[in-house]
Amino acid sequence: MEFAGITVSAGKIRGKILILCEENYCNNIDEIYSRCTDEHILLLNCVKPHPALVNRCAGLLAIFGGVNSHVSIGAREHGKPAIVNLTEDILNHLKDED
């Protein structure tokens, strides 16, 4: 399975997917933070991830964003590999803990 996007912070990682969508992210940040480990790759369907999550995860995948988006800047500041501007179709192929 291949997906195209824009690499905004280089690196190579392996990990489990943790999906963050607008509806589960805003009201449940404490629960999501407790689930997130350094083995998780955050798959974001929102535009501005919490800096604590970016610091804690292994890397980021984002459906939205460009090279100067919040996700991209956060990934570079925390030294995390990141790809942005993925198609929403990725959500049909990846689930939490994949």
Protein backbone atom coordinates (compact mmCIF):
# COMPACT_ATOMS: atom_id res chain seq x y z
CA MET A 1 0.00 0.00 0.00
CA GLU A 2 1.42 3.38 -1.00
CA PHE A 3 0.30 6.90 -0.24
CA ALA A 4 1.68 10.13 -1.65
CA GLY A 5 2.26 13.30 0.33
CA ILE A 6 4.81 16.00 1.08
CA THR A 7 7.75 15.12 3.31
CA VAL A 8 8.20 18.06 5.66
CA SER A 9 10.55 16.49 8.19
CA ALA A 10 12.74 13.60 7.09
CA GLY A 11 13.34 10.36 8.95
CA LYS A 12 12.56 6.67 9.02
CA ILE A 13 10.32 5.13 11.68
CA ARG A 14 8.10 2.15 12.36
CA GLY A 15 5.20 2.19 14.75
CA LYS A 16 1.51 1.80 15.42
CA ILE A 17 -1.05 4.24 14.04
CA LEU A 18 -3.01 6.50 16.38
CA ILE A 19 -5.73 8.41 14.53
CA LEU A 20 -6.63 11.90 15.68
CA CYS A 21 -9.79 13.37 14.17
CA GLU A 22 -11.44 16.67 15.09
CA GLU A 23 -14.30 14.90 16.83
CA ASN A 24 -12.16 12.72 19.12
CA TYR A 25 -9.31 15.16 19.61
CA CYS A 26 -10.70 18.39 21.04
CA ASN A 27 -12.69 16.93 23.92
CA ASN A 28 -10.45 13.99 24.81
CA ILE A 29 -6.90 15.34 24.83
CA ASP A 30 -6.05 13.76 28.22
CA GLU A 31 -7.27 10.32 27.13
CA ILE A 32 -5.43 10.58 23.81
CA TYR A 33 -2.25 11.73 25.55
CA SER A 34 -2.39 8.72 27.88
CA ARG A 35 -2.74 6.38 24.87
CA CYS A 36 0.05 7.99 22.86
CA THR A 37 3.56 6.56 23.27
CA ASP A 38 6.88 6.95 21.48
CA GLU A 39 5.84 3.90 19.40
CA HIS A 40 2.87 5.70 17.83
CA ILE A 41 2.66 7.48 14.50
CA LEU A 42 -0.06 10.10 14.70
CA LEU A 43 -2.42 10.16 11.73
CA LEU A 44 -4.01 13.59 11.85
CA ASN A 45 -7.31 14.63 10.35
CA CYS A 46 -7.03 17.98 12.11
CA VAL A 47 -4.82 20.97 11.48
CA LYS A 48 -3.16 21.77 14.81
CA PRO A 49 -1.88 18.91 16.98
CA HIS A 50 -1.11 19.57 20.62
CA PRO A 51 2.66 20.10 21.11
CA ALA A 52 2.74 17.51 23.92
CA LEU A 53 1.44 14.86 21.51
CA VAL A 54 3.97 15.84 18.84
CA ASN A 55 6.76 15.56 21.40
CA ARG A 56 5.55 12.16 22.63
CA CYS A 57 4.91 10.37 19.30
CA ALA A 58 7.38 8.75 16.91
CA GLY A 59 6.20 10.67 13.85
CA LEU A 60 3.28 12.32 12.08
CA LEU A 61 1.09 11.75 9.05
CA ALA A 62 -1.41 14.48 8.19
CA ILE A 63 -4.22 14.67 5.67
CA PHE A 64 -4.01 18.47 5.63
CA GLY A 65 -1.12 20.87 5.61
CA GLY A 66 1.83 22.10 3.66
CA VAL A 67 5.47 22.88 4.41
CA ASN A 68 4.54 25.83 6.64
CA SER A 69 1.54 24.30 8.42
CA HIS A 70 1.29 23.80 12.20
CA VAL A 71 1.95 20.08 11.76
CA SER A 72 5.09 20.68 9.68
CA ILE A 73 6.55 23.31 11.99
CA GLY A 74 5.82 21.20 15.08
CA ALA A 75 7.42 18.13 13.52
CA ARG A 76 10.59 20.01 12.64
CA GLU A 77 10.78 21.71 16.05
CA HIS A 78 10.52 18.34 17.81
CA GLY A 79 12.69 16.43 15.31
CA LYS A 80 9.88 14.08 14.27
CA PRO A 81 9.51 12.62 10.76
CA ALA A 82 6.36 13.90 9.07
CA ILE A 83 4.40 13.66 5.84
CA VAL A 84 1.51 16.04 5.13
CA ASN A 85 -1.07 16.57 2.39
CA LEU A 86 -2.10 12.92 2.24
CA THR A 87 -5.45 11.96 0.74
CA GLU A 88 -8.39 11.25 3.05
CA ASP A 89 -8.48 7.80 1.46
CA ILE A 90 -5.75 6.80 3.92
CA LEU A 91 -8.42 6.64 6.64
CA ASN A 92 -10.10 3.81 4.71
CA HIS A 93 -6.90 1.76 4.85
CA LEU A 94 -5.39 2.46 8.25
CA LYS A 95 -7.03 2.04 11.65
CA ASP A 96 -5.89 2.65 15.22
CA GLU A 97 -3.08 0.33 16.30
CA ASP A 98 -2.30 -0.86 12.71
